[in-house]
Amino acid sequence: MILKDKVLDLFETRFDHASARIVLRDGLARAGLQLEKDALDSGDVRRLASAVVLLGLARVDGLVAGLNALADAQPAPRTKPVPAIDPEPSQVADEPVDVEAEEPLPDDAAKARAGKQKKR
């Protein structure tokens, strides 16, 4: 959202203090935007820029360019994050799985025999 004060600052680069407020009010009305809004989105600022041109005032090219640049500099509106979809639970086999005992490695067998021989 772009604060209306920032937009008003652009109008004051072209018009004096009072005139800037009057032209902003007229531009917002011409664009069909609410006058009471404290902030405008980038689409509103673009509509305001077009409305200022339609007001027929002289030397507003810089103001319109500034409004469009302000709208372009505004980041895209935030959207709600999409919730992650839980993957389907993996299907568990109904039958038990037989696990064969591993044969001891040759080193393990040798150590086991050596241990038995020491105990004798």
N, C-alpha and C. Protein backbone atom coordinates (compact mmCIF):
# COMPACT_ATOMS: atom_id res chain seq x y z
N MET A 1 0.83 -1.17 0.00
CA MET A 1 0.00 0.00 0.00
C MET A 1 0.89 1.25 0.00
N ILE A 2 0.43 2.24 -0.69
CA ILE A 2 1.15 3.50 -0.81
C ILE A 2 0.38 4.54 0.02
N LEU A 3 1.07 5.15 0.95
CA LEU A 3 0.41 6.14 1.80
C LEU A 3 -0.02 7.35 0.99
N LYS A 4 -1.18 7.86 1.34
CA LYS A 4 -1.71 9.02 0.63
C LYS A 4 -0.79 10.23 0.80
N ASP A 5 -0.10 10.31 1.93
CA ASP A 5 0.85 11.42 2.14
C ASP A 5 1.97 11.41 1.11
N LYS A 6 2.40 10.20 0.73
CA LYS A 6 3.45 10.08 -0.29
C LYS A 6 2.93 10.58 -1.64
N VAL A 7 1.69 10.25 -1.93
CA VAL A 7 1.07 10.71 -3.18
C VAL A 7 0.92 12.23 -3.14
N LEU A 8 0.51 12.74 -1.99
CA LEU A 8 0.34 14.18 -1.84
C LEU A 8 1.68 14.91 -2.04
N ASP A 9 2.77 14.31 -1.56
CA ASP A 9 4.10 14.91 -1.77
C ASP A 9 4.39 15.08 -3.26
N LEU A 10 3.99 14.10 -4.07
CA LEU A 10 4.19 14.22 -5.52
C LEU A 10 3.37 15.38 -6.09
N PHE A 11 2.14 15.52 -5.61
CA PHE A 11 1.29 16.61 -6.09
C PHE A 11 1.89 17.97 -5.70
N GLU A 12 2.53 18.03 -4.54
CA GLU A 12 3.12 19.29 -4.09
C GLU A 12 4.38 19.65 -4.86
N THR A 13 4.94 18.71 -5.63
CA THR A 13 6.07 19.08 -6.49
C THR A 13 5.58 19.88 -7.70
N ARG A 14 4.32 19.75 -8.04
CA ARG A 14 3.76 20.46 -9.18
C ARG A 14 2.90 21.66 -8.76
N PHE A 15 2.16 21.49 -7.66
CA PHE A 15 1.21 22.52 -7.22
C PHE A 15 1.60 23.03 -5.83
N ASP A 16 1.07 24.20 -5.47
CA ASP A 16 1.30 24.71 -4.12
C ASP A 16 0.51 23.87 -3.12
N HIS A 17 0.70 24.17 -1.85
CA HIS A 17 0.13 23.37 -0.76
C HIS A 17 -1.39 23.16 -0.91
N ALA A 18 -2.13 24.24 -1.05
CA ALA A 18 -3.59 24.15 -1.12
C ALA A 18 -4.05 23.54 -2.45
N SER A 19 -3.43 23.97 -3.54
CA SER A 19 -3.82 23.46 -4.85
C SER A 19 -3.55 21.96 -4.98
N ALA A 20 -2.46 21.50 -4.38
CA ALA A 20 -2.14 20.07 -4.44
C ALA A 20 -3.25 19.24 -3.81
N ARG A 21 -3.79 19.70 -2.69
CA ARG A 21 -4.86 18.98 -2.02
C ARG A 21 -6.15 19.00 -2.84
N ILE A 22 -6.42 20.12 -3.48
CA ILE A 22 -7.63 20.23 -4.31
C ILE A 22 -7.53 19.33 -5.53
N VAL A 23 -6.37 19.36 -6.20
CA VAL A 23 -6.19 18.53 -7.40
C VAL A 23 -6.18 17.05 -7.02
N LEU A 24 -5.58 16.70 -5.90
CA LEU A 24 -5.61 15.30 -5.44
C LEU A 24 -7.04 14.86 -5.19
N ARG A 25 -7.82 15.70 -4.50
CA ARG A 25 -9.22 15.38 -4.22
C ARG A 25 -10.00 15.20 -5.52
N ASP A 26 -9.79 16.11 -6.47
CA ASP A 26 -10.50 16.03 -7.76
C ASP A 26 -10.06 14.78 -8.54
N GLY A 27 -8.78 14.48 -8.49
CA GLY A 27 -8.28 13.29 -9.19
C GLY A 27 -8.83 12.01 -8.60
N LEU A 28 -8.86 11.94 -7.27
CA LEU A 28 -9.43 10.75 -6.61
C LEU A 28 -10.91 10.59 -6.97
N ALA A 29 -11.64 11.71 -6.97
CA ALA A 29 -13.06 11.65 -7.32
C ALA A 29 -13.24 11.22 -8.77
N ARG A 30 -12.42 11.76 -9.66
CA ARG A 30 -12.51 11.42 -11.09
C ARG A 30 -12.17 9.96 -11.34
N ALA A 31 -11.24 9.42 -10.52
CA ALA A 31 -10.84 8.02 -10.65
C ALA A 31 -11.83 7.08 -9.98
N GLY A 32 -12.79 7.65 -9.25
CA GLY A 32 -13.77 6.82 -8.57
C GLY A 32 -13.24 6.18 -7.30
N LEU A 33 -12.25 6.82 -6.70
CA LEU A 33 -11.64 6.28 -5.48
C LEU A 33 -12.18 7.02 -4.27
N GLN A 34 -12.15 6.34 -3.13
CA GLN A 34 -12.64 6.94 -1.89
C GLN A 34 -11.68 8.03 -1.42
N LEU A 35 -12.23 9.16 -1.08
CA LEU A 35 -11.42 10.28 -0.63
C LEU A 35 -10.86 10.04 0.77
N GLU A 36 -11.52 9.22 1.56
CA GLU A 36 -11.13 9.01 2.95
C GLU A 36 -10.01 8.00 3.12
N LYS A 37 -9.62 7.32 2.08
CA LYS A 37 -8.58 6.30 2.19
C LYS A 37 -7.26 6.92 2.63
N ASP A 38 -6.56 6.24 3.54
CA ASP A 38 -5.25 6.70 3.98
C ASP A 38 -4.12 6.14 3.12
N ALA A 39 -4.42 5.06 2.40
CA ALA A 39 -3.41 4.41 1.56
C ALA A 39 -4.07 3.90 0.29
N LEU A 40 -3.28 3.84 -0.75
CA LEU A 40 -3.77 3.37 -2.06
C LEU A 40 -2.90 2.22 -2.52
N ASP A 41 -3.50 1.28 -3.23
CA ASP A 41 -2.67 0.23 -3.81
C ASP A 41 -2.15 0.71 -5.16
N SER A 42 -1.29 -0.07 -5.77
CA SER A 42 -0.66 0.38 -7.02
C SER A 42 -1.68 0.60 -8.14
N GLY A 43 -2.73 -0.19 -8.18
CA GLY A 43 -3.78 -0.01 -9.18
C GLY A 43 -4.51 1.31 -9.00
N ASP A 44 -4.77 1.66 -7.74
CA ASP A 44 -5.42 2.94 -7.44
C ASP A 44 -4.55 4.12 -7.89
N VAL A 45 -3.25 4.01 -7.66
CA VAL A 45 -2.34 5.10 -8.04
C VAL A 45 -2.30 5.24 -9.56
N ARG A 46 -2.34 4.12 -10.28
CA ARG A 46 -2.37 4.20 -11.76
C ARG A 46 -3.67 4.84 -12.24
N ARG A 47 -4.80 4.49 -11.60
CA ARG A 47 -6.07 5.12 -11.97
C ARG A 47 -6.04 6.61 -11.67
N LEU A 48 -5.42 6.97 -10.56
CA LEU A 48 -5.29 8.38 -10.21
C LEU A 48 -4.45 9.12 -11.25
N ALA A 49 -3.37 8.50 -11.71
CA ALA A 49 -2.52 9.13 -12.73
C ALA A 49 -3.32 9.37 -14.02
N SER A 50 -4.13 8.40 -14.41
CA SER A 50 -4.97 8.57 -15.61
C SER A 50 -6.01 9.67 -15.40
N ALA A 51 -6.56 9.72 -14.19
CA ALA A 51 -7.57 10.73 -13.89
C ALA A 51 -6.98 12.13 -13.90
N VAL A 52 -5.74 12.28 -13.45
CA VAL A 52 -5.09 13.59 -13.45
C VAL A 52 -4.95 14.09 -14.89
N VAL A 53 -4.61 13.19 -15.80
CA VAL A 53 -4.51 13.58 -17.22
C VAL A 53 -5.88 14.05 -17.72
N LEU A 54 -6.94 13.35 -17.33
CA LEU A 54 -8.29 13.70 -17.78
C LEU A 54 -8.81 15.01 -17.19
N LEU A 55 -8.17 15.48 -16.11
CA LEU A 55 -8.58 16.77 -15.54
C LEU A 55 -8.24 17.93 -16.48
N GLY A 56 -7.31 17.70 -17.42
CA GLY A 56 -6.98 18.72 -18.42
C GLY A 56 -6.09 19.82 -17.90
N LEU A 57 -5.31 19.56 -16.87
CA LEU A 57 -4.41 20.57 -16.33
C LEU A 57 -3.10 20.60 -17.11
N ALA A 58 -2.47 21.75 -17.12
CA ALA A 58 -1.21 21.91 -17.85
C ALA A 58 -0.04 21.37 -17.03
N ARG A 59 0.97 20.91 -17.75
CA ARG A 59 2.26 20.50 -17.18
C ARG A 59 2.12 19.47 -16.05
N VAL A 60 1.39 18.42 -16.30
CA VAL A 60 1.25 17.36 -15.29
C VAL A 60 2.00 16.09 -15.71
N ASP A 61 2.78 16.18 -16.79
CA ASP A 61 3.51 14.99 -17.26
C ASP A 61 4.46 14.45 -16.20
N GLY A 62 5.17 15.33 -15.52
CA GLY A 62 6.09 14.90 -14.46
C GLY A 62 5.36 14.27 -13.29
N LEU A 63 4.21 14.85 -12.94
CA LEU A 63 3.40 14.30 -11.86
C LEU A 63 2.88 12.91 -12.22
N VAL A 64 2.39 12.75 -13.43
CA VAL A 64 1.88 11.46 -13.89
C VAL A 64 3.00 10.43 -13.93
N ALA A 65 4.16 10.84 -14.42
CA ALA A 65 5.31 9.93 -14.46
C ALA A 65 5.71 9.51 -13.04
N GLY A 66 5.68 10.46 -12.11
CA GLY A 66 6.01 10.16 -10.72
C GLY A 66 5.01 9.20 -10.09
N LEU A 67 3.73 9.40 -10.39
CA LEU A 67 2.70 8.49 -9.86
C LEU A 67 2.88 7.08 -10.42
N ASN A 68 3.14 7.00 -11.72
CA ASN A 68 3.35 5.67 -12.32
C ASN A 68 4.60 5.00 -11.78
N ALA A 69 5.65 5.76 -11.55
CA ALA A 69 6.88 5.20 -10.98
C ALA A 69 6.63 4.72 -9.55
N LEU A 70 5.85 5.48 -8.80
CA LEU A 70 5.50 5.07 -7.44
C LEU A 70 4.69 3.77 -7.45
N ALA A 71 3.78 3.66 -8.39
CA ALA A 71 2.98 2.43 -8.51
C ALA A 71 3.84 1.25 -8.93
N ASP A 72 4.79 1.49 -9.84
CA ASP A 72 5.66 0.41 -10.30
C ASP A 72 6.63 -0.05 -9.22
N ALA A 73 7.04 0.87 -8.35
CA ALA A 73 8.01 0.54 -7.30
C ALA A 73 7.36 -0.25 -6.17
N GLN A 74 6.04 -0.20 -6.11
CA GLN A 74 5.32 -0.90 -5.05
C GLN A 74 5.39 -2.40 -5.28
N PRO A 75 5.80 -3.18 -4.26
CA PRO A 75 5.83 -4.63 -4.43
C PRO A 75 4.43 -5.19 -4.62
N ALA A 76 4.39 -6.34 -5.21
CA ALA A 76 3.10 -7.00 -5.45
C ALA A 76 2.40 -7.23 -4.11
N PRO A 77 1.08 -7.13 -4.11
CA PRO A 77 0.37 -7.33 -2.85
C PRO A 77 0.59 -8.73 -2.30
N ARG A 78 0.67 -8.80 -0.98
CA ARG A 78 0.88 -10.08 -0.34
C ARG A 78 -0.41 -10.89 -0.38
N THR A 79 -0.25 -12.14 -0.63
CA THR A 79 -1.39 -13.03 -0.59
C THR A 79 -1.20 -13.99 0.57
N LYS A 80 -2.28 -14.57 0.99
CA LYS A 80 -2.18 -15.53 2.08
C LYS A 80 -1.41 -16.74 1.58
N PRO A 81 -0.52 -17.26 2.41
CA PRO A 81 0.23 -18.44 1.96
C PRO A 81 -0.71 -19.62 1.78
N VAL A 82 -0.44 -20.39 0.78
CA VAL A 82 -1.23 -21.57 0.50
C VAL A 82 -0.80 -22.65 1.48
N PRO A 83 -1.75 -23.24 2.21
CA PRO A 83 -1.35 -24.28 3.16
C PRO A 83 -0.78 -25.49 2.43
N ALA A 84 0.21 -26.08 3.06
CA ALA A 84 0.84 -27.26 2.47
C ALA A 84 -0.15 -28.42 2.52
N ILE A 85 -0.15 -29.18 1.47
CA ILE A 85 -1.03 -30.35 1.40
C ILE A 85 -0.29 -31.52 2.02
N ASP A 86 -0.94 -32.14 3.00
CA ASP A 86 -0.32 -33.30 3.64
C ASP A 86 -0.31 -34.46 2.65
N PRO A 87 0.84 -35.10 2.48
CA PRO A 87 0.88 -36.24 1.60
C PRO A 87 0.06 -37.38 2.20
N GLU A 88 -0.44 -38.23 1.34
CA GLU A 88 -1.23 -39.36 1.82
C GLU A 88 -0.35 -40.24 2.70
N PRO A 89 -0.90 -40.72 3.79
CA PRO A 89 -0.08 -41.59 4.64
C PRO A 89 0.32 -42.84 3.86
N SER A 90 1.54 -43.26 4.10
CA SER A 90 2.00 -44.46 3.38
C SER A 90 1.20 -45.65 3.87
N GLN A 91 0.91 -46.52 2.96
CA GLN A 91 0.13 -47.70 3.31
C GLN A 91 1.04 -48.70 4.01
N VAL A 92 0.60 -49.17 5.15
CA VAL A 92 1.36 -50.12 5.94
C VAL A 92 0.91 -51.52 5.56
N ALA A 93 1.87 -52.39 5.37
CA ALA A 93 1.54 -53.77 5.01
C ALA A 93 0.85 -54.44 6.19
N ASP A 94 -0.19 -55.20 5.88
CA ASP A 94 -0.92 -55.91 6.93
C ASP A 94 -0.17 -57.15 7.42
N GLU A 95 0.70 -57.69 6.60
CA GLU A 95 1.42 -58.91 6.96
C GLU A 95 2.75 -58.54 7.57
N PRO A 96 3.18 -59.30 8.60
CA PRO A 96 4.49 -59.02 9.17
C PRO A 96 5.59 -59.39 8.20
N VAL A 97 6.66 -58.68 8.30
CA VAL A 97 7.79 -58.92 7.41
C VAL A 97 8.81 -59.75 8.17
N ASP A 98 9.27 -60.87 7.56
CA ASP A 98 10.30 -61.70 8.19
C ASP A 98 11.65 -61.06 7.98
N VAL A 99 12.36 -60.92 9.07
CA VAL A 99 13.69 -60.37 8.99
C VAL A 99 14.66 -61.50 9.30
N GLU A 100 15.51 -61.82 8.36
CA GLU A 100 16.48 -62.89 8.57
C GLU A 100 17.63 -62.35 9.39
N ALA A 101 18.11 -63.19 10.28
CA ALA A 101 19.26 -62.80 11.09
C ALA A 101 20.48 -62.73 10.22
N GLU A 102 21.26 -61.73 10.45
CA GLU A 102 22.47 -61.58 9.65
C GLU A 102 23.54 -62.53 10.18
N GLU A 103 24.31 -63.05 9.29
CA GLU A 103 25.43 -63.88 9.70
C GLU A 103 26.52 -62.96 10.18
N PRO A 104 27.23 -63.38 11.26
CA PRO A 104 28.30 -62.52 11.75
C PRO A 104 29.41 -62.44 10.72
N LEU A 105 30.03 -61.33 10.69
CA LEU A 105 31.15 -61.14 9.79
C LEU A 105 32.32 -62.01 10.25
N PRO A 106 33.23 -62.35 9.35
CA PRO A 106 34.35 -63.21 9.75
C PRO A 106 35.12 -62.65 10.93
N ASP A 107 35.32 -61.36 10.98
CA ASP A 107 36.06 -60.78 12.10
C ASP A 107 35.29 -60.97 13.40
N ASP A 108 33.97 -60.79 13.33
CA ASP A 108 33.15 -60.95 14.53
C ASP A 108 33.19 -62.40 15.01
N ALA A 109 33.14 -63.33 14.07
CA ALA A 109 33.18 -64.75 14.44
C ALA A 109 34.51 -65.09 15.08
N ALA A 110 35.58 -64.55 14.53
CA ALA A 110 36.90 -64.83 15.08
C ALA A 110 37.01 -64.24 16.48
N LYS A 111 36.49 -63.07 16.68
CA LYS A 111 36.54 -62.45 18.00
C LYS A 111 35.70 -63.25 18.99
N ALA A 112 34.56 -63.73 18.52
CA ALA A 112 33.69 -64.52 19.40
C ALA A 112 34.39 -65.81 19.82
N ARG A 113 35.06 -66.48 18.89
CA ARG A 113 35.76 -67.73 19.22
C ARG A 113 36.93 -67.43 20.16
N ALA A 114 37.62 -66.35 19.90
CA ALA A 114 38.74 -65.99 20.75
C ALA A 114 38.27 -65.71 22.15
N GLY A 115 37.15 -65.06 22.29
CA GLY A 115 36.59 -64.77 23.61
C GLY A 115 36.21 -66.04 24.33
N LYS A 116 35.66 -67.02 23.61
CA LYS A 116 35.27 -68.29 24.22
C LYS A 116 36.50 -69.06 24.65
N GLN A 117 37.54 -69.01 23.85
CA GLN A 117 38.75 -69.76 24.17
C GLN A 117 39.42 -69.18 25.40
N LYS A 118 39.37 -67.88 25.60
CA LYS A 118 40.00 -67.27 26.77
C LYS A 118 39.27 -67.64 28.04
N LYS A 119 37.95 -67.80 27.95
CA LYS A 119 37.16 -68.13 29.11
C LYS A 119 37.42 -69.55 29.58
N ARG A 120 37.86 -70.46 28.76
CA ARG A 120 38.09 -71.85 29.12
C ARG A 120 39.24 -72.01 29.99
